[in-house]
């Protein structure tokens, strides 16, 4: 038995039934982001064709995803370096006692 359920969302003026195992609120929020990005691209560029706006929206969202992933990796490296430094300092302090 599948725990996937259909959620109806509106993207670029069209209704879509999305089947997902994610909570309906999450699916709606994802659809809202896509819809907002398509509308933003249409406003900024004057682009009327839905499929082109959708492609540009997908590229924009993907770019944000890659930038966030790079930032996350950079922060993980910083935390790891700081934790290593702190561990070394604690070991040194304990050894000097």
PDB file of N, CA and C in Angstrom:
ATOM      1  N   UNK A   1       0.845  -1.180   0.000  1.00  0.00           N
ATOM      2  CA  UNK A   1       0.000   0.000   0.000  1.00  0.00           C
ATOM      3  C   UNK A   1       0.887   1.240   0.000  1.00  0.00           C
ATOM      4  N   UNK A   2       0.607   2.175  -0.874  1.00  0.00           N
ATOM      5  CA  UNK A   2       1.406   3.373  -1.021  1.00  0.00           C
ATOM      6  C   UNK A   2       0.867   4.483  -0.128  1.00  0.00           C
ATOM      7  N   UNK A   3       1.781   5.261   0.452  1.00  0.00           N
ATOM      8  CA  UNK A   3       1.353   6.392   1.272  1.00  0.00           C
ATOM      9  C   UNK A   3       1.414   7.685   0.461  1.00  0.00           C
ATOM     10  N   UNK A   4       1.477   7.547  -0.861  1.00  0.00           N
ATOM     11  CA  UNK A   4       1.473   8.713  -1.736  1.00  0.00           C
ATOM     12  C   UNK A   4       0.042   9.222  -1.885  1.00  0.00           C
ATOM     13  N   UNK A   5      -0.084  10.531  -1.852  1.00  0.00           N
ATOM     14  CA  UNK A   5      -1.413  11.113  -2.018  1.00  0.00           C
ATOM     15  C   UNK A   5      -1.341  12.236  -3.045  1.00  0.00           C
ATOM     16  N   UNK A   6      -2.439  12.485  -3.678  1.00  0.00           N
ATOM     17  CA  UNK A   6      -2.506  13.530  -4.693  1.00  0.00           C
ATOM     18  C   UNK A   6      -2.831  14.867  -4.037  1.00  0.00           C
ATOM     19  N   UNK A   7      -2.119  15.883  -4.464  1.00  0.00           N
ATOM     20  CA  UNK A   7      -2.350  17.245  -4.004  1.00  0.00           C
ATOM     21  C   UNK A   7      -2.513  18.100  -5.251  1.00  0.00           C
ATOM     22  N   UNK A   8      -3.562  18.872  -5.304  1.00  0.00           N
ATOM     23  CA  UNK A   8      -3.779  19.753  -6.451  1.00  0.00           C
ATOM     24  C   UNK A   8      -3.124  21.096  -6.165  1.00  0.00           C
ATOM     25  N   UNK A   9      -2.283  21.531  -7.106  1.00  0.00           N
ATOM     26  CA  UNK A   9      -1.582  22.809  -6.979  1.00  0.00           C
ATOM     27  C   UNK A   9      -1.806  23.610  -8.258  1.00  0.00           C
ATOM     28  N   UNK A  10      -1.605  24.904  -8.158  1.00  0.00           N
ATOM     29  CA  UNK A  10      -1.716  25.773  -9.332  1.00  0.00           C
ATOM     30  C   UNK A  10      -0.336  26.362  -9.602  1.00  0.00           C
ATOM     31  N   UNK A  11       0.161  26.104 -10.819  1.00  0.00           N
ATOM     32  CA  UNK A  11       1.454  26.638 -11.251  1.00  0.00           C
ATOM     33  C   UNK A  11       1.245  27.282 -12.615  1.00  0.00           C
ATOM     34  N   UNK A  12       1.639  28.531 -12.723  1.00  0.00           N
ATOM     35  CA  UNK A  12       1.536  29.285 -13.974  1.00  0.00           C
ATOM     36  C   UNK A  12       0.114  29.264 -14.526  1.00  0.00           C
ATOM     37  N   UNK A  13      -0.851  29.368 -13.629  1.00  0.00           N
ATOM     38  CA  UNK A  13      -2.238  29.446 -14.042  1.00  0.00           C
ATOM     39  C   UNK A  13      -2.890  28.117 -14.381  1.00  0.00           C
ATOM     40  N   UNK A  14      -2.162  27.028 -14.230  1.00  0.00           N
ATOM     41  CA  UNK A  14      -2.713  25.711 -14.538  1.00  0.00           C
ATOM     42  C   UNK A  14      -2.733  24.853 -13.284  1.00  0.00           C
ATOM     43  N   UNK A  15      -3.788  24.050 -13.155  1.00  0.00           N
ATOM     44  CA  UNK A  15      -3.870  23.133 -12.019  1.00  0.00           C
ATOM     45  C   UNK A  15      -3.158  21.832 -12.366  1.00  0.00           C
ATOM     46  N   UNK A  16      -2.440  21.309 -11.381  1.00  0.00           N
ATOM     47  CA  UNK A  16      -1.715  20.057 -11.536  1.00  0.00           C
ATOM     48  C   UNK A  16      -1.974  19.185 -10.318  1.00  0.00           C
ATOM     49  N   UNK A  17      -2.241  17.910 -10.551  1.00  0.00           N
ATOM     50  CA  UNK A  17      -2.377  16.950  -9.456  1.00  0.00           C
ATOM     51  C   UNK A  17      -1.013  16.296  -9.277  1.00  0.00           C
ATOM     52  N   UNK A  18      -0.416  16.519  -8.140  1.00  0.00           N
ATOM     53  CA  UNK A  18       0.909  15.997  -7.835  1.00  0.00           C
ATOM     54  C   UNK A  18       0.759  14.859  -6.833  1.00  0.00           C
ATOM     55  N   UNK A  19       1.278  13.696  -7.187  1.00  0.00           N
ATOM     56  CA  UNK A  19       1.265  12.558  -6.258  1.00  0.00           C
ATOM     57  C   UNK A  19       2.612  12.522  -5.544  1.00  0.00           C
ATOM     58  N   UNK A  20       2.557  12.533  -4.228  1.00  0.00           N
ATOM     59  CA  UNK A  20       3.785  12.584  -3.449  1.00  0.00           C
ATOM     60  C   UNK A  20       3.568  11.955  -2.082  1.00  0.00           C
ATOM     61  N   UNK A  21       4.643  11.438  -1.516  1.00  0.00           N
ATOM     62  CA  UNK A  21       4.576  10.924  -0.153  1.00  0.00           C
ATOM     63  C   UNK A  21       4.904  12.034   0.857  1.00  0.00           C
ATOM     64  N   UNK A  22       5.302  13.199   0.351  1.00  0.00           N
ATOM     65  CA  UNK A  22       5.578  14.340   1.227  1.00  0.00           C
ATOM     66  C   UNK A  22       4.264  14.892   1.772  1.00  0.00           C
ATOM     67  N   UNK A  23       4.321  15.570   2.895  1.00  0.00           N
ATOM     68  CA  UNK A  23       3.100  16.193   3.424  1.00  0.00           C
ATOM     69  C   UNK A  23       2.514  17.171   2.397  1.00  0.00           C
ATOM     70  N   UNK A  24       1.198  17.253   2.306  1.00  0.00           N
ATOM     71  CA  UNK A  24       0.567  18.149   1.327  1.00  0.00           C
ATOM     72  C   UNK A  24       1.038  19.601   1.445  1.00  0.00           C
ATOM     73  N   UNK A  25       1.273  20.068   2.670  1.00  0.00           N
ATOM     74  CA  UNK A  25       1.726  21.448   2.859  1.00  0.00           C
ATOM     75  C   UNK A  25       3.078  21.666   2.190  1.00  0.00           C
ATOM     76  N   UNK A  26       3.951  20.676   2.270  1.00  0.00           N
ATOM     77  CA  UNK A  26       5.277  20.777   1.654  1.00  0.00           C
ATOM     78  C   UNK A  26       5.149  20.829   0.134  1.00  0.00           C
ATOM     79  N   UNK A  27       4.306  19.966  -0.414  1.00  0.00           N
ATOM     80  CA  UNK A  27       4.088  19.948  -1.860  1.00  0.00           C
ATOM     81  C   UNK A  27       3.526  21.284  -2.330  1.00  0.00           C
ATOM     82  N   UNK A  28       2.578  21.832  -1.582  1.00  0.00           N
ATOM     83  CA  UNK A  28       2.007  23.135  -1.939  1.00  0.00           C
ATOM     84  C   UNK A  28       3.059  24.236  -1.871  1.00  0.00           C
ATOM     85  N   UNK A  29       3.924  24.179  -0.863  1.00  0.00           N
ATOM     86  CA  UNK A  29       4.977  25.189  -0.720  1.00  0.00           C
ATOM     87  C   UNK A  29       5.972  25.103  -1.874  1.00  0.00           C
ATOM     88  N   UNK A  30       6.328  23.899  -2.287  1.00  0.00           N
ATOM     89  CA  UNK A  30       7.221  23.731  -3.445  1.00  0.00           C
ATOM     90  C   UNK A  30       6.572  24.295  -4.701  1.00  0.00           C
ATOM     91  N   UNK A  31       5.307  23.998  -4.893  1.00  0.00           N
ATOM     92  CA  UNK A  31       4.582  24.503  -6.062  1.00  0.00           C
ATOM     93  C   UNK A  31       4.487  26.025  -6.026  1.00  0.00           C
ATOM     94  N   UNK A  32       4.285  26.575  -4.847  1.00  0.00           N
ATOM     95  CA  UNK A  32       4.205  28.028  -4.701  1.00  0.00           C
ATOM     96  C   UNK A  32       5.520  28.683  -5.113  1.00  0.00           C
ATOM     97  N   UNK A  33       6.642  28.099  -4.709  1.00  0.00           N
ATOM     98  CA  UNK A  33       7.949  28.632  -5.083  1.00  0.00           C
ATOM     99  C   UNK A  33       8.130  28.617  -6.598  1.00  0.00           C
ATOM    100  N   UNK A  34       7.782  27.506  -7.229  1.00  0.00           N
ATOM    101  CA  UNK A  34       7.903  27.394  -8.685  1.00  0.00           C
ATOM    102  C   UNK A  34       6.998  28.422  -9.365  1.00  0.00           C
ATOM    103  N   UNK A  35       5.770  28.538  -8.897  1.00  0.00           N
ATOM    104  CA  UNK A  35       4.827  29.492  -9.470  1.00  0.00           C
ATOM    105  C   UNK A  35       5.349  30.925  -9.335  1.00  0.00           C
ATOM    106  N   UNK A  36       5.845  31.267  -8.160  1.00  0.00           N
ATOM    107  CA  UNK A  36       6.378  32.614  -7.940  1.00  0.00           C
ATOM    108  C   UNK A  36       7.570  32.893  -8.844  1.00  0.00           C
ATOM    109  N   UNK A  37       8.443  31.905  -9.000  1.00  0.00           N
ATOM    110  CA  UNK A  37       9.626  32.110  -9.835  1.00  0.00           C
ATOM    111  C   UNK A  37       9.231  32.294 -11.298  1.00  0.00           C
ATOM    112  N   UNK A  38       8.284  31.505 -11.781  1.00  0.00           N
ATOM    113  CA  UNK A  38       7.806  31.660 -13.167  1.00  0.00           C
ATOM    114  C   UNK A  38       7.200  33.047 -13.353  1.00  0.00           C
ATOM    115  N   UNK A  39       6.368  33.467 -12.412  1.00  0.00           N
ATOM    116  CA  UNK A  39       5.750  34.798 -12.514  1.00  0.00           C
ATOM    117  C   UNK A  39       6.786  35.909 -12.466  1.00  0.00           C
ATOM    118  N   UNK A  40       7.800  35.747 -11.624  1.00  0.00           N
ATOM    119  CA  UNK A  40       8.870  36.739 -11.524  1.00  0.00           C
ATOM    120  C   UNK A  40       9.619  36.847 -12.853  1.00  0.00           C
ATOM    121  N   UNK A  41       9.926  35.718 -13.450  1.00  0.00           N
ATOM    122  CA  UNK A  41      10.639  35.711 -14.730  1.00  0.00           C
ATOM    123  C   UNK A  41       9.784  36.338 -15.820  1.00  0.00           C
ATOM    124  N   UNK A  42       8.509  36.027 -15.832  1.00  0.00           N
ATOM    125  CA  UNK A  42       7.609  36.636 -16.817  1.00  0.00           C
ATOM    126  C   UNK A  42       7.551  38.149 -16.646  1.00  0.00           C
ATOM    127  N   UNK A  43       7.482  38.624 -15.394  1.00  0.00           N
ATOM    128  CA  UNK A  43       7.430  40.068 -15.134  1.00  0.00           C
ATOM    129  C   UNK A  43       8.721  40.753 -15.569  1.00  0.00           C
ATOM    130  N   UNK A  44       9.849  40.183 -15.184  1.00  0.00           N
ATOM    131  CA  UNK A  44      11.132  40.825 -15.472  1.00  0.00           C
ATOM    132  C   UNK A  44      11.491  40.818 -16.950  1.00  0.00           C
ATOM    133  N   UNK A  45      11.169  39.735 -17.628  1.00  0.00           N
ATOM    134  CA  UNK A  45      11.617  39.599 -19.016  1.00  0.00           C
ATOM    135  C   UNK A  45      10.529  39.889 -20.034  1.00  0.00           C
ATOM    136  N   UNK A  46       9.303  39.973 -19.577  1.00  0.00           N
ATOM    137  CA  UNK A  46       8.207  40.138 -20.514  1.00  0.00           C
ATOM    138  C   UNK A  46       7.927  38.863 -21.289  1.00  0.00           C
ATOM    139  N   UNK A  47       8.480  37.771 -20.813  1.00  0.00           N
ATOM    140  CA  UNK A  47       8.327  36.480 -21.474  1.00  0.00           C
ATOM    141  C   UNK A  47       6.910  35.973 -21.292  1.00  0.00           C
ATOM    142  N   UNK A  48       6.274  35.632 -22.366  1.00  0.00           N
ATOM    143  CA  UNK A  48       4.886  35.191 -22.286  1.00  0.00           C
ATOM    144  C   UNK A  48       4.783  33.676 -22.392  1.00  0.00           C
ATOM    145  N   UNK A  49       5.685  33.053 -23.096  1.00  0.00           N
ATOM    146  CA  UNK A  49       5.604  31.616 -23.325  1.00  0.00           C
ATOM    147  C   UNK A  49       5.866  30.859 -22.029  1.00  0.00           C
ATOM    148  N   UNK A  50       4.869  30.079 -21.638  1.00  0.00           N
ATOM    149  CA  UNK A  50       4.937  29.365 -20.369  1.00  0.00           C
ATOM    150  C   UNK A  50       6.087  28.389 -20.264  1.00  0.00           C
ATOM    151  N   UNK A  51       6.349  27.629 -21.320  1.00  0.00           N
ATOM    152  CA  UNK A  51       7.397  26.625 -21.228  1.00  0.00           C
ATOM    153  C   UNK A  51       8.776  27.257 -21.085  1.00  0.00           C
ATOM    154  N   UNK A  52       9.018  28.384 -21.737  1.00  0.00           N
ATOM    155  CA  UNK A  52      10.314  29.056 -21.598  1.00  0.00           C
ATOM    156  C   UNK A  52      10.475  29.640 -20.199  1.00  0.00           C
ATOM    157  N   UNK A  53       9.411  30.221 -19.677  1.00  0.00           N
ATOM    158  CA  UNK A  53       9.459  30.757 -18.313  1.00  0.00           C
ATOM    159  C   UNK A  53       9.693  29.621 -17.322  1.00  0.00           C
ATOM    160  N   UNK A  54       9.072  28.465 -17.554  1.00  0.00           N
ATOM    161  CA  UNK A  54       9.257  27.315 -16.660  1.00  0.00           C
ATOM    162  C   UNK A  54      10.695  26.818 -16.714  1.00  0.00           C
ATOM    163  N   UNK A  55      11.286  26.786 -17.915  1.00  0.00           N
ATOM    164  CA  UNK A  55      12.680  26.351 -18.048  1.00  0.00           C
ATOM    165  C   UNK A  55      13.603  27.324 -17.324  1.00  0.00           C
ATOM    166  N   UNK A  56      13.396  28.613 -17.506  1.00  0.00           N
ATOM    167  CA  UNK A  56      14.230  29.604 -16.824  1.00  0.00           C
ATOM    168  C   UNK A  56      14.037  29.544 -15.307  1.00  0.00           C
ATOM    169  N   UNK A  57      12.818  29.289 -14.868  1.00  0.00           N
ATOM    170  CA  UNK A  57      12.560  29.145 -13.433  1.00  0.00           C
ATOM    171  C   UNK A  57      13.302  27.931 -12.891  1.00  0.00           C
ATOM    172  N   UNK A  58      13.263  26.821 -13.631  1.00  0.00           N
ATOM    173  CA  UNK A  58      13.973  25.607 -13.191  1.00  0.00           C
ATOM    174  C   UNK A  58      15.473  25.870 -13.108  1.00  0.00           C
ATOM    175  N   UNK A  59      16.021  26.579 -14.075  1.00  0.00           N
ATOM    176  CA  UNK A  59      17.451  26.905 -14.046  1.00  0.00           C
ATOM    177  C   UNK A  59      17.785  27.817 -12.870  1.00  0.00           C
ATOM    178  N   UNK A  60      16.928  28.786 -12.600  1.00  0.00           N
ATOM    179  CA  UNK A  60      17.142  29.702 -11.486  1.00  0.00           C
ATOM    180  C   UNK A  60      17.109  28.970 -10.147  1.00  0.00           C
ATOM    181  N   UNK A  61      16.130  28.107  -9.968  1.00  0.00           N
ATOM    182  CA  UNK A  61      16.007  27.338  -8.721  1.00  0.00           C
ATOM    183  C   UNK A  61      17.190  26.376  -8.577  1.00  0.00           C
ATOM    184  N   UNK A  62      17.617  25.766  -9.681  1.00  0.00           N
ATOM    185  CA  UNK A  62      18.766  24.857  -9.645  1.00  0.00           C
ATOM    186  C   UNK A  62      20.033  25.620  -9.271  1.00  0.00           C
ATOM    187  N   UNK A  63      20.203  26.821  -9.812  1.00  0.00           N
ATOM    188  CA  UNK A  63      21.355  27.650  -9.465  1.00  0.00           C
ATOM    189  C   UNK A  63      21.364  27.948  -7.968  1.00  0.00           C
ATOM    190  N   UNK A  64      20.215  28.318  -7.425  1.00  0.00           N
ATOM    191  CA  UNK A  64      20.127  28.569  -5.977  1.00  0.00           C
ATOM    192  C   UNK A  64      20.481  27.318  -5.182  1.00  0.00           C
ATOM    193  N   UNK A  65      20.004  26.173  -5.647  1.00  0.00           N
ATOM    194  CA  UNK A  65      20.292  24.912  -4.971  1.00  0.00           C
ATOM    195  C   UNK A  65      21.802  24.651  -4.940  1.00  0.00           C
ATOM    196  N   UNK A  66      22.468  24.798  -6.087  1.00  0.00           N
ATOM    197  CA  UNK A  66      23.910  24.548  -6.146  1.00  0.00           C
ATOM    198  C   UNK A  66      24.683  25.536  -5.275  1.00  0.00           C
ATOM    199  N   UNK A  67      24.277  26.801  -5.285  1.00  0.00           N
ATOM    200  CA  UNK A  67      24.949  27.781  -4.432  1.00  0.00           C
ATOM    201  C   UNK A  67      24.759  27.446  -2.953  1.00  0.00           C
ATOM    202  N   UNK A  68      23.560  27.041  -2.579  1.00  0.00           N
ATOM    203  CA  UNK A  68      23.293  26.675  -1.180  1.00  0.00           C
ATOM    204  C   UNK A  68      24.098  25.447  -0.790  1.00  0.00           C
ATOM    205  N   UNK A  69      24.208  24.487  -1.708  1.00  0.00           N
ATOM    206  CA  UNK A  69      24.979  23.276  -1.422  1.00  0.00           C
ATOM    207  C   UNK A  69      26.452  23.601  -1.233  1.00  0.00           C
ATOM    208  N   UNK A  70      26.992  24.497  -2.070  1.00  0.00           N
ATOM    209  CA  UNK A  70      28.387  24.924  -1.917  1.00  0.00           C
ATOM    210  C   UNK A  70      28.603  25.644  -0.591  1.00  0.00           C
ATOM    211  N   UNK A  71      27.664  26.511  -0.231  1.00  0.00           N
ATOM    212  CA  UNK A  71      27.761  27.235   1.042  1.00  0.00           C
ATOM    213  C   UNK A  71      27.689  26.269   2.219  1.00  0.00           C
ATOM    214  N   UNK A  72      26.824  25.285   2.142  1.00  0.00           N
ATOM    215  CA  UNK A  72      26.722  24.280   3.194  1.00  0.00           C
ATOM    216  C   UNK A  72      28.036  23.528   3.348  1.00  0.00           C
ATOM    217  N   UNK A  73      28.643  23.142   2.226  1.00  0.00           N
ATOM    218  CA  UNK A  73      29.921  22.432   2.285  1.00  0.00           C
ATOM    219  C   UNK A  73      31.008  23.319   2.894  1.00  0.00           C
ATOM    220  N   UNK A  74      31.017  24.598   2.514  1.00  0.00           N
ATOM    221  CA  UNK A  74      31.995  25.532   3.084  1.00  0.00           C
ATOM    222  C   UNK A  74      31.803  25.658   4.593  1.00  0.00           C
ATOM    223  N   UNK A  75      30.552  25.758   5.035  1.00  0.00           N
ATOM    224  CA  UNK A  75      30.278  25.870   6.468  1.00  0.00           C
ATOM    225  C   UNK A  75      30.646  24.586   7.209  1.00  0.00           C
ATOM    226  N   UNK A  76      30.383  23.433   6.601  1.00  0.00           N
ATOM    227  CA  UNK A  76      30.778  22.157   7.220  1.00  0.00           C
ATOM    228  C   UNK A  76      32.291  22.091   7.408  1.00  0.00           C
ATOM    229  N   UNK A  77      33.028  22.543   6.397  1.00  0.00           N
ATOM    230  CA  UNK A  77      34.492  22.544   6.512  1.00  0.00           C
ATOM    231  C   UNK A  77      34.956  23.472   7.621  1.00  0.00           C
ATOM    232  N   UNK A  78      34.314  24.649   7.737  1.00  0.00           N
ATOM    233  CA  UNK A  78      34.664  25.582   8.810  1.00  0.00           C
ATOM    234  C   UNK A  78      34.382  24.979  10.178  1.00  0.00           C
ATOM    235  N   UNK A  79      33.221  24.371  10.334  1.00  0.00           N
ATOM    236  CA  UNK A  79      32.853  23.767  11.617  1.00  0.00           C
ATOM    237  C   UNK A  79      33.815  22.639  11.956  1.00  0.00           C
ATOM    238  N   UNK A  80      34.153  21.823  10.974  1.00  0.00           N
ATOM    239  CA  UNK A  80      35.077  20.719  11.201  1.00  0.00           C
ATOM    240  C   UNK A  80      36.449  21.235  11.624  1.00  0.00           C
ATOM    241  N   UNK A  81      36.932  22.274  10.957  1.00  0.00           N
ATOM    242  CA  UNK A  81      38.240  22.848  11.305  1.00  0.00           C
ATOM    243  C   UNK A  81      38.211  23.437  12.714  1.00  0.00           C
ATOM    244  N   UNK A  82      37.138  24.152  13.045  1.00  0.00           N
ATOM    245  CA  UNK A  82      37.036  24.745  14.377  1.00  0.00           C
ATOM    246  C   UNK A  82      36.915  23.672  15.460  1.00  0.00           C
ATOM    247  N   UNK A  83      36.146  22.620  15.168  1.00  0.00           N
ATOM    248  CA  UNK A  83      36.006  21.533  16.140  1.00  0.00           C
ATOM    249  C   UNK A  83      37.346  20.838  16.346  1.00  0.00           C
ATOM    250  N   UNK A  84      38.089  20.634  15.265  1.00  0.00           N
ATOM    251  CA  UNK A  84      39.413  20.024  15.384  1.00  0.00           C
ATOM    252  C   UNK A  84      40.351  20.884  16.202  1.00  0.00           C
ATOM    253  N   UNK A  85      40.323  22.196  15.960  1.00  0.00           N
ATOM    254  CA  UNK A  85      41.158  23.128  16.713  1.00  0.00           C
ATOM    255  C   UNK A  85      40.774  23.126  18.186  1.00  0.00           C
ATOM    256  N   UNK A  86      39.492  23.151  18.469  1.00  0.00           N
ATOM    257  CA  UNK A  86      39.013  23.139  19.854  1.00  0.00           C
ATOM    258  C   UNK A  86      39.414  21.840  20.544  1.00  0.00           C
ATOM    259  N   UNK A  87      39.280  20.729  19.860  1.00  0.00           N
ATOM    260  CA  UNK A  87      39.659  19.439  20.421  1.00  0.00           C
ATOM    261  C   UNK A  87      41.154  19.414  20.751  1.00  0.00           C
ATOM    262  N   UNK A  88      41.961  19.938  19.831  1.00  0.00           N
ATOM    263  CA  UNK A  88      43.411  19.988  20.059  1.00  0.00           C
ATOM    264  C   UNK A  88      43.728  20.854  21.272  1.00  0.00           C
ATOM    265  N   UNK A  89      43.052  22.002  21.391  1.00  0.00           N
ATOM    266  CA  UNK A  89      43.307  22.907  22.515  1.00  0.00           C
ATOM    267  C   UNK A  89      42.887  22.280  23.845  1.00  0.00           C
ATOM    268  N   UNK A  90      41.776  21.545  23.820  1.00  0.00           N
ATOM    269  CA  UNK A  90      41.328  20.862  25.043  1.00  0.00           C
ATOM    270  C   UNK A  90      42.337  19.781  25.428  1.00  0.00           C
ATOM    271  N   UNK A  91      42.780  18.995  24.453  1.00  0.00           N
ATOM    272  CA  UNK A  91      43.784  17.958  24.721  1.00  0.00           C
ATOM    273  C   UNK A  91      45.062  18.555  25.293  1.00  0.00           C
ATOM    274  N   UNK A  92      45.503  19.681  24.727  1.00  0.00           N
ATOM    275  CA  UNK A  92      46.718  20.349  25.229  1.00  0.00           C
ATOM    276  C   UNK A  92      46.517  20.847  26.655  1.00  0.00           C
ATOM    277  N   UNK A  93      45.343  21.405  26.933  1.00  0.00           N
ATOM    278  CA  UNK A  93      45.060  21.922  28.277  1.00  0.00           C
ATOM    279  C   UNK A  93      45.004  20.785  29.285  1.00  0.00           C
ATOM    280  N   UNK A  94      44.410  19.658  28.894  1.00  0.00           N
ATOM    281  CA  UNK A  94      44.341  18.523  29.792  1.00  0.00           C
ATOM    282  C   UNK A  94      45.724  17.896  30.024  1.00  0.00           C
ATOM    283  N   UNK A  95      46.541  17.908  29.011  1.00  0.00           N
ATOM    284  CA  UNK A  95      47.878  17.314  29.130  1.00  0.00           C
ATOM    285  C   UNK A  95      48.788  18.159  30.003  1.00  0.00           C
ATOM    286  N   UNK A  96      48.542  19.456  30.083  1.00  0.00           N
ATOM    287  CA  UNK A  96      49.405  20.328  30.870  1.00  0.00           C
ATOM    288  C   UNK A  96      49.034  20.342  32.342  1.00  0.00           C
ATOM    289  N   UNK A  97      47.913  19.698  32.686  1.00  0.00           N
ATOM    290  CA  UNK A  97      47.481  19.667  34.103  1.00  0.00           C
ATOM    291  C   UNK A  97      48.250  18.674  34.893  1.00  0.00           C
TER     292      UNK A  97
END
